[in-house]
Amino acid sequence: MEISKSIMAFSQSEKIKSGLIWISQALEMLQGLNSAERGGGEKMVDALLNMIGHEIQLAKAVAGGAEWDEIEPYIDKAVVMVNSGVGQEANVHLSMALSKVTNIGHQSMTFLKEKSLL
């Protein structure tokens, strides 16, 4: 792994992890909303999921690595759940995506530590 790509992978992983956690929290909050409010909340969550999808694409472009491809199916499933009106079910898929992103970040951090850059 190259140092610059490792730095980018670590940076992107932290950003994506934060986004996934925010989305999970927003999905939990949606459960307490009435049906009229829930529709707007679901649109917001859908927009955030699309933003995370773009961040994953950016991570693949700047850091490389096939492991980023493993995250996209989980995000896609979460989008389907939200668009189907069962957003609370999306948290399972977001948790799986979060686990994959955490592994990428850990690998990058370990490499950077070995190079005495962290």
PDB file of N, CA and C in Angstrom:
ATOM      1  N   MET A   1       0.850  -1.183   0.000  1.00  0.00           N
ATOM      2  CA  MET A   1       0.000   0.000   0.000  1.00  0.00           C
ATOM      3  C   MET A   1       0.893   1.242   0.000  1.00  0.00           C
ATOM      4  N   GLU A   2       0.522   2.223  -0.783  1.00  0.00           N
ATOM      5  CA  GLU A   2       1.256   3.482  -0.835  1.00  0.00           C
ATOM      6  C   GLU A   2       0.840   4.375   0.329  1.00  0.00           C
ATOM      7  N   ILE A   3       1.764   5.214   0.753  1.00  0.00           N
ATOM      8  CA  ILE A   3       1.489   6.099   1.883  1.00  0.00           C
ATOM      9  C   ILE A   3       0.355   7.063   1.559  1.00  0.00           C
ATOM     10  N   SER A   4       0.398   7.693   0.397  1.00  0.00           N
ATOM     11  CA  SER A   4      -0.635   8.676   0.067  1.00  0.00           C
ATOM     12  C   SER A   4      -2.017   8.021  -0.034  1.00  0.00           C
ATOM     13  N   LYS A   5      -2.084   6.830  -0.613  1.00  0.00           N
ATOM     14  CA  LYS A   5      -3.365   6.139  -0.714  1.00  0.00           C
ATOM     15  C   LYS A   5      -3.859   5.686   0.661  1.00  0.00           C
ATOM     16  N   SER A   6      -2.934   5.322   1.500  1.00  0.00           N
ATOM     17  CA  SER A   6      -3.306   4.914   2.852  1.00  0.00           C
ATOM     18  C   SER A   6      -3.862   6.096   3.640  1.00  0.00           C
ATOM     19  N   ILE A   7      -3.260   7.243   3.479  1.00  0.00           N
ATOM     20  CA  ILE A   7      -3.755   8.456   4.144  1.00  0.00           C
ATOM     21  C   ILE A   7      -5.160   8.786   3.648  1.00  0.00           C
ATOM     22  N   MET A   8      -5.365   8.707   2.345  1.00  0.00           N
ATOM     23  CA  MET A   8      -6.683   8.995   1.786  1.00  0.00           C
ATOM     24  C   MET A   8      -7.721   7.971   2.243  1.00  0.00           C
ATOM     25  N   ALA A   9      -7.330   6.698   2.286  1.00  0.00           N
ATOM     26  CA  ALA A   9      -8.257   5.655   2.737  1.00  0.00           C
ATOM     27  C   ALA A   9      -8.644   5.885   4.194  1.00  0.00           C
ATOM     28  N   PHE A  10      -7.673   6.247   5.012  1.00  0.00           N
ATOM     29  CA  PHE A  10      -7.962   6.495   6.424  1.00  0.00           C
ATOM     30  C   PHE A  10      -8.890   7.698   6.577  1.00  0.00           C
ATOM     31  N   SER A  11      -8.593   8.760   5.855  1.00  0.00           N
ATOM     32  CA  SER A  11      -9.411   9.971   5.914  1.00  0.00           C
ATOM     33  C   SER A  11     -10.838   9.696   5.452  1.00  0.00           C
ATOM     34  N   GLN A  12     -10.977   9.035   4.324  1.00  0.00           N
ATOM     35  CA  GLN A  12     -12.305   8.728   3.800  1.00  0.00           C
ATOM     36  C   GLN A  12     -13.064   7.784   4.726  1.00  0.00           C
ATOM     37  N   SER A  13     -12.364   6.831   5.308  1.00  0.00           N
ATOM     38  CA  SER A  13     -13.051   5.885   6.187  1.00  0.00           C
ATOM     39  C   SER A  13     -13.637   6.603   7.398  1.00  0.00           C
ATOM     40  N   GLU A  14     -12.927   7.559   7.935  1.00  0.00           N
ATOM     41  CA  GLU A  14     -13.435   8.305   9.091  1.00  0.00           C
ATOM     42  C   GLU A  14     -14.660   9.138   8.710  1.00  0.00           C
ATOM     43  N   LYS A  15     -14.606   9.744   7.531  1.00  0.00           N
ATOM     44  CA  LYS A  15     -15.734  10.559   7.067  1.00  0.00           C
ATOM     45  C   LYS A  15     -16.964   9.675   6.818  1.00  0.00           C
ATOM     46  N   ILE A  16     -16.759   8.542   6.182  1.00  0.00           N
ATOM     47  CA  ILE A  16     -17.866   7.648   5.865  1.00  0.00           C
ATOM     48  C   ILE A  16     -18.431   7.026   7.140  1.00  0.00           C
ATOM     49  N   LYS A  17     -17.572   6.665   8.066  1.00  0.00           N
ATOM     50  CA  LYS A  17     -18.062   6.121   9.340  1.00  0.00           C
ATOM     51  C   LYS A  17     -18.959   7.124  10.046  1.00  0.00           C
ATOM     52  N   SER A  18     -18.543   8.361  10.088  1.00  0.00           N
ATOM     53  CA  SER A  18     -19.361   9.403  10.723  1.00  0.00           C
ATOM     54  C   SER A  18     -20.714   9.515  10.042  1.00  0.00           C
ATOM     55  N   GLY A  19     -20.712   9.529   8.723  1.00  0.00           N
ATOM     56  CA  GLY A  19     -21.962   9.628   7.974  1.00  0.00           C
ATOM     57  C   GLY A  19     -22.885   8.458   8.246  1.00  0.00           C
ATOM     58  N   LEU A  20     -22.341   7.255   8.303  1.00  0.00           N
ATOM     59  CA  LEU A  20     -23.161   6.077   8.573  1.00  0.00           C
ATOM     60  C   LEU A  20     -23.779   6.132   9.969  1.00  0.00           C
ATOM     61  N   ILE A  21     -23.020   6.616  10.921  1.00  0.00           N
ATOM     62  CA  ILE A  21     -23.537   6.747  12.289  1.00  0.00           C
ATOM     63  C   ILE A  21     -24.643   7.793  12.337  1.00  0.00           C
ATOM     64  N   TRP A  22     -24.445   8.909  11.660  1.00  0.00           N
ATOM     65  CA  TRP A  22     -25.487   9.955  11.621  1.00  0.00           C
ATOM     66  C   TRP A  22     -26.770   9.420  10.996  1.00  0.00           C
ATOM     67  N   ILE A  23     -26.621   8.688   9.906  1.00  0.00           N
ATOM     68  CA  ILE A  23     -27.798   8.135   9.235  1.00  0.00           C
ATOM     69  C   ILE A  23     -28.522   7.152  10.144  1.00  0.00           C
ATOM     70  N   SER A  24     -27.771   6.314  10.826  1.00  0.00           N
ATOM     71  CA  SER A  24     -28.391   5.362  11.752  1.00  0.00           C
ATOM     72  C   SER A  24     -29.179   6.079  12.835  1.00  0.00           C
ATOM     73  N   GLN A  25     -28.616   7.146  13.358  1.00  0.00           N
ATOM     74  CA  GLN A  25     -29.312   7.915  14.380  1.00  0.00           C
ATOM     75  C   GLN A  25     -30.562   8.583  13.809  1.00  0.00           C
ATOM     76  N   ALA A  26     -30.467   9.087  12.599  1.00  0.00           N
ATOM     77  CA  ALA A  26     -31.629   9.714  11.963  1.00  0.00           C
ATOM     78  C   ALA A  26     -32.736   8.693  11.750  1.00  0.00           C
ATOM     79  N   LEU A  27     -32.375   7.478  11.381  1.00  0.00           N
ATOM     80  CA  LEU A  27     -33.377   6.430  11.199  1.00  0.00           C
ATOM     81  C   LEU A  27     -34.074   6.093  12.511  1.00  0.00           C
ATOM     82  N   GLU A  28     -33.332   6.108  13.585  1.00  0.00           N
ATOM     83  CA  GLU A  28     -33.931   5.873  14.902  1.00  0.00           C
ATOM     84  C   GLU A  28     -34.910   6.995  15.251  1.00  0.00           C
ATOM     85  N   MET A  29     -34.552   8.217  14.924  1.00  0.00           N
ATOM     86  CA  MET A  29     -35.418   9.356  15.212  1.00  0.00           C
ATOM     87  C   MET A  29     -36.701   9.314  14.380  1.00  0.00           C
ATOM     88  N   LEU A  30     -36.613   8.781  13.169  1.00  0.00           N
ATOM     89  CA  LEU A  30     -37.786   8.707  12.295  1.00  0.00           C
ATOM     90  C   LEU A  30     -38.918   7.894  12.921  1.00  0.00           C
ATOM     91  N   GLN A  31     -38.567   6.940  13.739  1.00  0.00           N
ATOM     92  CA  GLN A  31     -39.584   6.086  14.339  1.00  0.00           C
ATOM     93  C   GLN A  31     -40.544   6.877  15.225  1.00  0.00           C
ATOM     94  N   GLY A  32     -40.077   7.985  15.769  1.00  0.00           N
ATOM     95  CA  GLY A  32     -40.912   8.788  16.641  1.00  0.00           C
ATOM     96  C   GLY A  32     -41.736   9.849  15.929  1.00  0.00           C
ATOM     97  N   LEU A  33     -41.618   9.927  14.617  1.00  0.00           N
ATOM     98  CA  LEU A  33     -42.344  10.949  13.861  1.00  0.00           C
ATOM     99  C   LEU A  33     -43.681  10.418  13.360  1.00  0.00           C
ATOM    100  N   ASN A  34     -44.628  11.340  13.179  1.00  0.00           N
ATOM    101  CA  ASN A  34     -45.895  10.923  12.577  1.00  0.00           C
ATOM    102  C   ASN A  34     -45.680  10.702  11.082  1.00  0.00           C
ATOM    103  N   SER A  35     -46.664  10.135  10.421  1.00  0.00           N
ATOM    104  CA  SER A  35     -46.499   9.738   9.018  1.00  0.00           C
ATOM    105  C   SER A  35     -46.205  10.919   8.093  1.00  0.00           C
ATOM    106  N   ALA A  36     -46.797  12.071   8.362  1.00  0.00           N
ATOM    107  CA  ALA A  36     -46.547  13.248   7.517  1.00  0.00           C
ATOM    108  C   ALA A  36     -45.096  13.707   7.640  1.00  0.00           C
ATOM    109  N   GLU A  37     -44.579  13.711   8.843  1.00  0.00           N
ATOM    110  CA  GLU A  37     -43.194  14.130   9.067  1.00  0.00           C
ATOM    111  C   GLU A  37     -42.206  13.062   8.607  1.00  0.00           C
ATOM    112  N   ARG A  38     -42.598  11.813   8.734  1.00  0.00           N
ATOM    113  CA  ARG A  38     -41.699  10.707   8.396  1.00  0.00           C
ATOM    114  C   ARG A  38     -41.298  10.757   6.920  1.00  0.00           C
ATOM    115  N   GLY A  39     -42.225  11.149   6.035  1.00  0.00           N
ATOM    116  CA  GLY A  39     -41.906  11.208   4.608  1.00  0.00           C
ATOM    117  C   GLY A  39     -40.754  12.155   4.320  1.00  0.00           C
ATOM    118  N   GLY A  40     -40.796  13.320   4.947  1.00  0.00           N
ATOM    119  CA  GLY A  40     -39.700  14.275   4.763  1.00  0.00           C
ATOM    120  C   GLY A  40     -38.394  13.765   5.356  1.00  0.00           C
ATOM    121  N   GLY A  41     -38.497  13.127   6.496  1.00  0.00           N
ATOM    122  CA  GLY A  41     -37.305  12.555   7.120  1.00  0.00           C
ATOM    123  C   GLY A  41     -36.682  11.471   6.269  1.00  0.00           C
ATOM    124  N   GLU A  42     -37.528  10.644   5.667  1.00  0.00           N
ATOM    125  CA  GLU A  42     -37.018   9.583   4.800  1.00  0.00           C
ATOM    126  C   GLU A  42     -36.322  10.154   3.567  1.00  0.00           C
ATOM    127  N   LYS A  43     -36.845  11.259   3.043  1.00  0.00           N
ATOM    128  CA  LYS A  43     -36.186  11.909   1.902  1.00  0.00           C
ATOM    129  C   LYS A  43     -34.809  12.440   2.308  1.00  0.00           C
ATOM    130  N   MET A  44     -34.734  12.981   3.519  1.00  0.00           N
ATOM    131  CA  MET A  44     -33.452  13.480   4.009  1.00  0.00           C
ATOM    132  C   MET A  44     -32.452  12.331   4.158  1.00  0.00           C
ATOM    133  N   VAL A  45     -32.902  11.227   4.747  1.00  0.00           N
ATOM    134  CA  VAL A  45     -32.031  10.069   4.930  1.00  0.00           C
ATOM    135  C   VAL A  45     -31.590   9.520   3.578  1.00  0.00           C
ATOM    136  N   ASP A  46     -32.497   9.484   2.619  1.00  0.00           N
ATOM    137  CA  ASP A  46     -32.157   9.024   1.279  1.00  0.00           C
ATOM    138  C   ASP A  46     -31.064   9.904   0.668  1.00  0.00           C
ATOM    139  N   ALA A  47     -31.187  11.204   0.846  1.00  0.00           N
ATOM    140  CA  ALA A  47     -30.161  12.126   0.333  1.00  0.00           C
ATOM    141  C   ALA A  47     -28.818  11.877   1.008  1.00  0.00           C
ATOM    142  N   LEU A  48     -28.834  11.643   2.307  1.00  0.00           N
ATOM    143  CA  LEU A  48     -27.590  11.365   3.036  1.00  0.00           C
ATOM    144  C   LEU A  48     -26.963  10.051   2.576  1.00  0.00           C
ATOM    145  N   LEU A  49     -27.791   9.041   2.348  1.00  0.00           N
ATOM    146  CA  LEU A  49     -27.272   7.769   1.845  1.00  0.00           C
ATOM    147  C   LEU A  49     -26.624   7.944   0.475  1.00  0.00           C
ATOM    148  N   ASN A  50     -27.236   8.765  -0.374  1.00  0.00           N
ATOM    149  CA  ASN A  50     -26.632   9.038  -1.682  1.00  0.00           C
ATOM    150  C   ASN A  50     -25.302   9.773  -1.536  1.00  0.00           C
ATOM    151  N   MET A  51     -25.223  10.675  -0.574  1.00  0.00           N
ATOM    152  CA  MET A  51     -23.958  11.377  -0.326  1.00  0.00           C
ATOM    153  C   MET A  51     -22.879  10.397   0.121  1.00  0.00           C
ATOM    154  N   ILE A  52     -23.253   9.459   0.981  1.00  0.00           N
ATOM    155  CA  ILE A  52     -22.289   8.446   1.425  1.00  0.00           C
ATOM    156  C   ILE A  52     -21.846   7.594   0.236  1.00  0.00           C
ATOM    157  N   GLY A  53     -22.779   7.276  -0.635  1.00  0.00           N
ATOM    158  CA  GLY A  53     -22.424   6.533  -1.847  1.00  0.00           C
ATOM    159  C   GLY A  53     -21.387   7.267  -2.679  1.00  0.00           C
ATOM    160  N   HIS A  54     -21.546   8.573  -2.784  1.00  0.00           N
ATOM    161  CA  HIS A  54     -20.571   9.384  -3.529  1.00  0.00           C
ATOM    162  C   HIS A  54     -19.213   9.398  -2.815  1.00  0.00           C
ATOM    163  N   GLU A  55     -19.242   9.438  -1.499  1.00  0.00           N
ATOM    164  CA  GLU A  55     -17.978   9.410  -0.739  1.00  0.00           C
ATOM    165  C   GLU A  55     -17.252   8.084  -0.928  1.00  0.00           C
ATOM    166  N   ILE A  56     -18.010   6.999  -1.037  1.00  0.00           N
ATOM    167  CA  ILE A  56     -17.402   5.692  -1.282  1.00  0.00           C
ATOM    168  C   ILE A  56     -16.768   5.671  -2.670  1.00  0.00           C
ATOM    169  N   GLN A  57     -17.459   6.243  -3.653  1.00  0.00           N
ATOM    170  CA  GLN A  57     -16.895   6.338  -5.002  1.00  0.00           C
ATOM    171  C   GLN A  57     -15.605   7.165  -4.996  1.00  0.00           C
ATOM    172  N   LEU A  58     -15.627   8.259  -4.243  1.00  0.00           N
ATOM    173  CA  LEU A  58     -14.430   9.091  -4.124  1.00  0.00           C
ATOM    174  C   LEU A  58     -13.298   8.301  -3.476  1.00  0.00           C
ATOM    175  N   ALA A  59     -13.616   7.549  -2.433  1.00  0.00           N
ATOM    176  CA  ALA A  59     -12.596   6.739  -1.754  1.00  0.00           C
ATOM    177  C   ALA A  59     -11.966   5.742  -2.714  1.00  0.00           C
ATOM    178  N   LYS A  60     -12.788   5.108  -3.546  1.00  0.00           N
ATOM    179  CA  LYS A  60     -12.252   4.164  -4.528  1.00  0.00           C
ATOM    180  C   LYS A  60     -11.326   4.866  -5.504  1.00  0.00           C
ATOM    181  N   ALA A  61     -11.696   6.084  -5.882  1.00  0.00           N
ATOM    182  CA  ALA A  61     -10.899   6.822  -6.865  1.00  0.00           C
ATOM    183  C   ALA A  61      -9.567   7.290  -6.295  1.00  0.00           C
ATOM    184  N   VAL A  62      -9.576   7.776  -5.062  1.00  0.00           N
ATOM    185  CA  VAL A  62      -8.349   8.361  -4.509  1.00  0.00           C
ATOM    186  C   VAL A  62      -7.490   7.369  -3.733  1.00  0.00           C
ATOM    187  N   ALA A  63      -8.108   6.314  -3.195  1.00  0.00           N
ATOM    188  CA  ALA A  63      -7.348   5.365  -2.384  1.00  0.00           C
ATOM    189  C   ALA A  63      -7.210   4.002  -3.052  1.00  0.00           C
ATOM    190  N   GLY A  64      -8.088   3.724  -3.989  1.00  0.00           N
ATOM    191  CA  GLY A  64      -8.054   2.425  -4.644  1.00  0.00           C
ATOM    192  C   GLY A  64      -8.469   1.312  -3.693  1.00  0.00           C
ATOM    193  N   GLY A  65      -8.423   0.131  -4.170  1.00  0.00           N
ATOM    194  CA  GLY A  65      -8.742  -1.021  -3.341  1.00  0.00           C
ATOM    195  C   GLY A  65     -10.131  -1.551  -3.585  1.00  0.00           C
ATOM    196  N   ALA A  66     -10.204  -2.858  -3.758  1.00  0.00           N
ATOM    197  CA  ALA A  66     -11.475  -3.522  -4.037  1.00  0.00           C
ATOM    198  C   ALA A  66     -12.380  -3.593  -2.817  1.00  0.00           C
ATOM    199  N   GLU A  67     -11.803  -3.393  -1.630  1.00  0.00           N
ATOM    200  CA  GLU A  67     -12.614  -3.503  -0.412  1.00  0.00           C
ATOM    201  C   GLU A  67     -13.726  -2.463  -0.357  1.00  0.00           C
ATOM    202  N   TRP A  68     -13.558  -1.343  -1.038  1.00  0.00           N
ATOM    203  CA  TRP A  68     -14.621  -0.334  -1.069  1.00  0.00           C
ATOM    204  C   TRP A  68     -15.847  -0.861  -1.808  1.00  0.00           C
ATOM    205  N   ASP A  69     -15.628  -1.746  -2.785  1.00  0.00           N
ATOM    206  CA  ASP A  69     -16.743  -2.328  -3.532  1.00  0.00           C
ATOM    207  C   ASP A  69     -17.652  -3.166  -2.634  1.00  0.00           C
ATOM    208  N   GLU A  70     -17.096  -3.710  -1.560  1.00  0.00           N
ATOM    209  CA  GLU A  70     -17.877  -4.557  -0.652  1.00  0.00           C
ATOM    210  C   GLU A  70     -18.906  -3.759   0.144  1.00  0.00           C
ATOM    211  N   ILE A  71     -18.738  -2.450   0.225  1.00  0.00           N
ATOM    212  CA  ILE A  71     -19.618  -1.608   1.036  1.00  0.00           C
ATOM    213  C   ILE A  71     -20.877  -1.211   0.263  1.00  0.00           C
ATOM    214  N   GLU A  72     -20.737  -0.996  -1.010  1.00  0.00           N
ATOM    215  CA  GLU A  72     -21.846  -0.490  -1.821  1.00  0.00           C
ATOM    216  C   GLU A  72     -23.132  -1.321  -1.755  1.00  0.00           C
ATOM    217  N   PRO A  73     -23.055  -2.661  -1.778  1.00  0.00           N
ATOM    218  CA  PRO A  73     -24.317  -3.421  -1.697  1.00  0.00           C
ATOM    219  C   PRO A  73     -25.097  -3.146  -0.407  1.00  0.00           C
ATOM    220  N   TYR A  74     -24.410  -2.921   0.680  1.00  0.00           N
ATOM    221  CA  TYR A  74     -25.084  -2.618   1.942  1.00  0.00           C
ATOM    222  C   TYR A  74     -25.784  -1.261   1.881  1.00  0.00           C
ATOM    223  N   ILE A  75     -25.114  -0.300   1.270  1.00  0.00           N
ATOM    224  CA  ILE A  75     -25.718   1.027   1.116  1.00  0.00           C
ATOM    225  C   ILE A  75     -26.930   0.935   0.190  1.00  0.00           C
ATOM    226  N   ASP A  76     -26.784   0.182  -0.896  1.00  0.00           N
ATOM    227  CA  ASP A  76     -27.903   0.009  -1.834  1.00  0.00           C
ATOM    228  C   ASP A  76     -29.114  -0.616  -1.140  1.00  0.00           C
ATOM    229  N   LYS A  77     -28.879  -1.622  -0.310  1.00  0.00           N
ATOM    230  CA  LYS A  77     -29.978  -2.265   0.419  1.00  0.00           C
ATOM    231  C   LYS A  77     -30.627  -1.297   1.405  1.00  0.00           C
ATOM    232  N   ALA A  78     -29.807  -0.468   2.038  1.00  0.00           N
ATOM    233  CA  ALA A  78     -30.352   0.521   2.972  1.00  0.00           C
ATOM    234  C   ALA A  78     -31.235   1.523   2.233  1.00  0.00           C
ATOM    235  N   VAL A  79     -30.815   1.940   1.051  1.00  0.00           N
ATOM    236  CA  VAL A  79     -31.620   2.871   0.248  1.00  0.00           C
ATOM    237  C   VAL A  79     -32.971   2.236  -0.092  1.00  0.00           C
ATOM    238  N   VAL A  80     -32.957   0.983  -0.486  1.00  0.00           N
ATOM    239  CA  VAL A  80     -34.205   0.289  -0.818  1.00  0.00           C
ATOM    240  C   VAL A  80     -35.123   0.238   0.399  1.00  0.00           C
ATOM    241  N   MET A  81     -34.559  -0.058   1.564  1.00  0.00           N
ATOM    242  CA  MET A  81     -35.369  -0.135   2.790  1.00  0.00           C
ATOM    243  C   MET A  81     -36.008   1.214   3.103  1.00  0.00           C
ATOM    244  N   VAL A  82     -35.216   2.276   3.010  1.00  0.00           N
ATOM    245  CA  VAL A  82     -35.734   3.614   3.303  1.00  0.00           C
ATOM    246  C   VAL A  82     -36.818   3.986   2.304  1.00  0.00           C
ATOM    247  N   ASN A  83     -36.570   3.744   1.022  1.00  0.00           N
ATOM    248  CA  ASN A  83     -37.541   4.085  -0.011  1.00  0.00           C
ATOM    249  C   ASN A  83     -38.809   3.233   0.063  1.00  0.00           C
ATOM    250  N   SER A  84     -38.711   2.081   0.714  1.00  0.00           N
ATOM    251  CA  SER A  84     -39.868   1.200   0.875  1.00  0.00           C
ATOM    252  C   SER A  84     -40.667   1.507   2.138  1.00  0.00           C
ATOM    253  N   GLY A  85     -40.206   2.483   2.901  1.00  0.00           N
ATOM    254  CA  GLY A  85     -40.922   2.870   4.102  1.00  0.00           C
ATOM    255  C   GLY A  85     -40.589   2.054   5.336  1.00  0.00           C
ATOM    256  N   VAL A  86     -39.558   1.231   5.253  1.00  0.00           N
ATOM    257  CA  VAL A  86     -39.127   0.449   6.414  1.00  0.00           C
ATOM    258  C   VAL A  86     -37.680   0.818   6.760  1.00  0.00           C
ATOM    259  N   GLY A  87     -37.471   2.113   6.948  1.00  0.00           N
ATOM    260  CA  GLY A  87     -36.134   2.630   7.206  1.00  0.00           C
ATOM    261  C   GLY A  87     -35.451   2.024   8.404  1.00  0.00           C
ATOM    262  N   GLN A  88     -36.223   1.657   9.443  1.00  0.00           N
ATOM    263  CA  GLN A  88     -35.607   1.108  10.640  1.00  0.00           C
ATOM    264  C   GLN A  88     -34.880  -0.210  10.324  1.00  0.00           C
ATOM    265  N   GLU A  89     -35.323  -0.907   9.281  1.00  0.00           N
ATOM    266  CA  GLU A  89     -34.678  -2.154   8.865  1.00  0.00           C
ATOM    267  C   GLU A  89     -33.325  -1.891   8.195  1.00  0.00           C
ATOM    268  N   ALA A  90     -33.101  -0.671   7.760  1.00  0.00           N
ATOM    269  CA  ALA A  90     -31.858  -0.332   7.070  1.00  0.00           C
ATOM    270  C   ALA A  90     -30.662  -0.345   8.004  1.00  0.00           C
ATOM    271  N   ASN A  91     -30.890  -0.194   9.299  1.00  0.00           N
ATOM    272  CA  ASN A  91     -29.772  -0.142  10.241  1.00  0.00           C
ATOM    273  C   ASN A  91     -28.942  -1.420  10.238  1.00  0.00           C
ATOM    274  N   VAL A  92     -29.553  -2.540   9.936  1.00  0.00           N
ATOM    275  CA  VAL A  92     -28.793  -3.794   9.843  1.00  0.00           C
ATOM    276  C   VAL A  92     -27.738  -3.672   8.747  1.00  0.00           C
ATOM    277  N   HIS A  93     -28.153  -3.156   7.606  1.00  0.00           N
ATOM    278  CA  HIS A  93     -27.239  -3.022   6.469  1.00  0.00           C
ATOM    279  C   HIS A  93     -26.200  -1.928   6.722  1.00  0.00           C
ATOM    280  N   LEU A  94     -26.628  -0.866   7.388  1.00  0.00           N
ATOM    281  CA  LEU A  94     -25.682   0.208   7.712  1.00  0.00           C
ATOM    282  C   LEU A  94     -24.631  -0.279   8.700  1.00  0.00           C
ATOM    283  N   SER A  95     -25.014  -1.144   9.610  1.00  0.00           N
ATOM    284  CA  SER A  95     -24.054  -1.712  10.564  1.00  0.00           C
ATOM    285  C   SER A  95     -23.018  -2.573   9.851  1.00  0.00           C
ATOM    286  N   MET A  96     -23.462  -3.328   8.862  1.00  0.00           N
ATOM    287  CA  MET A  96     -22.533  -4.157   8.089  1.00  0.00           C
ATOM    288  C   MET A  96     -21.566  -3.267   7.294  1.00  0.00           C
ATOM    289  N   ALA A  97     -22.104  -2.195   6.711  1.00  0.00           N
ATOM    290  CA  ALA A  97     -21.257  -1.252   5.974  1.00  0.00           C
ATOM    291  C   ALA A  97     -20.259  -0.599   6.925  1.00  0.00           C
ATOM    292  N   LEU A  98     -20.726  -0.229   8.108  1.00  0.00           N
ATOM    293  CA  LEU A  98     -19.856   0.400   9.097  1.00  0.00           C
ATOM    294  C   LEU A  98     -18.709  -0.536   9.487  1.00  0.00           C
ATOM    295  N   SER A  99     -19.006  -1.791   9.625  1.00  0.00           N
ATOM    296  CA  SER A  99     -17.973  -2.771   9.957  1.00  0.00           C
ATOM    297  C   SER A  99     -16.908  -2.846   8.862  1.00  0.00           C
ATOM    298  N   LYS A 100     -17.347  -2.870   7.616  1.00  0.00           N
ATOM    299  CA  LYS A 100     -16.405  -2.921   6.489  1.00  0.00           C
ATOM    300  C   LYS A 100     -15.543  -1.657   6.436  1.00  0.00           C
ATOM    301  N   VAL A 101     -16.166  -0.504   6.628  1.00  0.00           N
ATOM    302  CA  VAL A 101     -15.425   0.763   6.593  1.00  0.00           C
ATOM    303  C   VAL A 101     -14.428   0.820   7.748  1.00  0.00           C
ATOM    304  N   THR A 102     -14.838   0.344   8.902  1.00  0.00           N
ATOM    305  CA  THR A 102     -13.940   0.318  10.061  1.00  0.00           C
ATOM    306  C   THR A 102     -12.722  -0.546   9.782  1.00  0.00           C
ATOM    307  N   ASN A 103     -12.930  -1.676   9.120  1.00  0.00           N
ATOM    308  CA  ASN A 103     -11.792  -2.544   8.766  1.00  0.00           C
ATOM    309  C   ASN A 103     -10.823  -1.847   7.822  1.00  0.00           C
ATOM    310  N   ILE A 104     -11.362  -1.129   6.852  1.00  0.00           N
ATOM    311  CA  ILE A 104     -10.498  -0.387   5.921  1.00  0.00           C
ATOM    312  C   ILE A 104      -9.696   0.661   6.672  1.00  0.00           C
ATOM    313  N   GLY A 105     -10.370   1.406   7.535  1.00  0.00           N
ATOM    314  CA  GLY A 105      -9.677   2.424   8.329  1.00  0.00           C
ATOM    315  C   GLY A 105      -8.612   1.823   9.219  1.00  0.00           C
ATOM    316  N   HIS A 106      -8.909   0.681   9.813  1.00  0.00           N
ATOM    317  CA  HIS A 106      -7.939   0.020  10.701  1.00  0.00           C
ATOM    318  C   HIS A 106      -6.708  -0.431   9.919  1.00  0.00           C
ATOM    319  N   GLN A 107      -6.933  -1.015   8.734  1.00  0.00           N
ATOM    320  CA  GLN A 107      -5.806  -1.443   7.905  1.00  0.00           C
ATOM    321  C   GLN A 107      -4.930  -0.257   7.521  1.00  0.00           C
ATOM    322  N   SER A 108      -5.551   0.833   7.148  1.00  0.00           N
ATOM    323  CA  SER A 108      -4.804   2.026   6.749  1.00  0.00           C
ATOM    324  C   SER A 108      -4.042   2.601   7.940  1.00  0.00           C
ATOM    325  N   MET A 109      -4.704   2.665   9.085  1.00  0.00           N
ATOM    326  CA  MET A 109      -4.063   3.204  10.285  1.00  0.00           C
ATOM    327  C   MET A 109      -2.877   2.337  10.695  1.00  0.00           C
ATOM    328  N   THR A 110      -3.027   1.031  10.634  1.00  0.00           N
ATOM    329  CA  THR A 110      -1.934   0.126  10.981  1.00  0.00           C
ATOM    330  C   THR A 110      -0.739   0.344  10.064  1.00  0.00           C
ATOM    331  N   PHE A 111      -1.003   0.477   8.760  1.00  0.00           N
ATOM    332  CA  PHE A 111       0.068   0.733   7.804  1.00  0.00           C
ATOM    333  C   PHE A 111       0.775   2.050   8.121  1.00  0.00           C
ATOM    334  N   LEU A 112       0.015   3.082   8.398  1.00  0.00           N
ATOM    335  CA  LEU A 112       0.597   4.394   8.700  1.00  0.00           C
ATOM    336  C   LEU A 112       1.381   4.371  10.005  1.00  0.00           C
ATOM    337  N   LYS A 113       0.930   3.603  10.965  1.00  0.00           N
ATOM    338  CA  LYS A 113       1.685   3.454  12.220  1.00  0.00           C
ATOM    339  C   LYS A 113       3.000   2.741  11.975  1.00  0.00           C
ATOM    340  N   GLU A 114       2.967   1.718  11.145  1.00  0.00           N
ATOM    341  CA  GLU A 114       4.191   0.988  10.815  1.00  0.00           C
ATOM    342  C   GLU A 114       5.218   1.903  10.149  1.00  0.00           C
ATOM    343  N   LYS A 115       4.741   2.883   9.421  1.00  0.00           N
ATOM    344  CA  LYS A 115       5.621   3.840   8.743  1.00  0.00           C
ATOM    345  C   LYS A 115       5.937   5.043   9.640  1.00  0.00           C
ATOM    346  N   SER A 116       5.488   4.975  10.912  1.00  0.00           N
ATOM    347  CA  SER A 116       5.690   6.042  11.906  1.00  0.00           C
ATOM    348  C   SER A 116       5.090   7.368  11.457  1.00  0.00           C
ATOM    349  N   LEU A 117       3.950   7.284  10.777  1.00  0.00           N
ATOM    350  CA  LEU A 117       3.276   8.499  10.325  1.00  0.00           C
ATOM    351  C   LEU A 117       2.075   8.830  11.210  1.00  0.00           C
ATOM    352  N   LEU A 118       1.727   7.941  12.103  1.00  0.00           N
ATOM    353  CA  LEU A 118       0.663   8.193  13.086  1.00  0.00           C
ATOM    354  C   LEU A 118       1.192   7.868  14.458  1.00  0.00           C
TER     355      LEU A 118
END
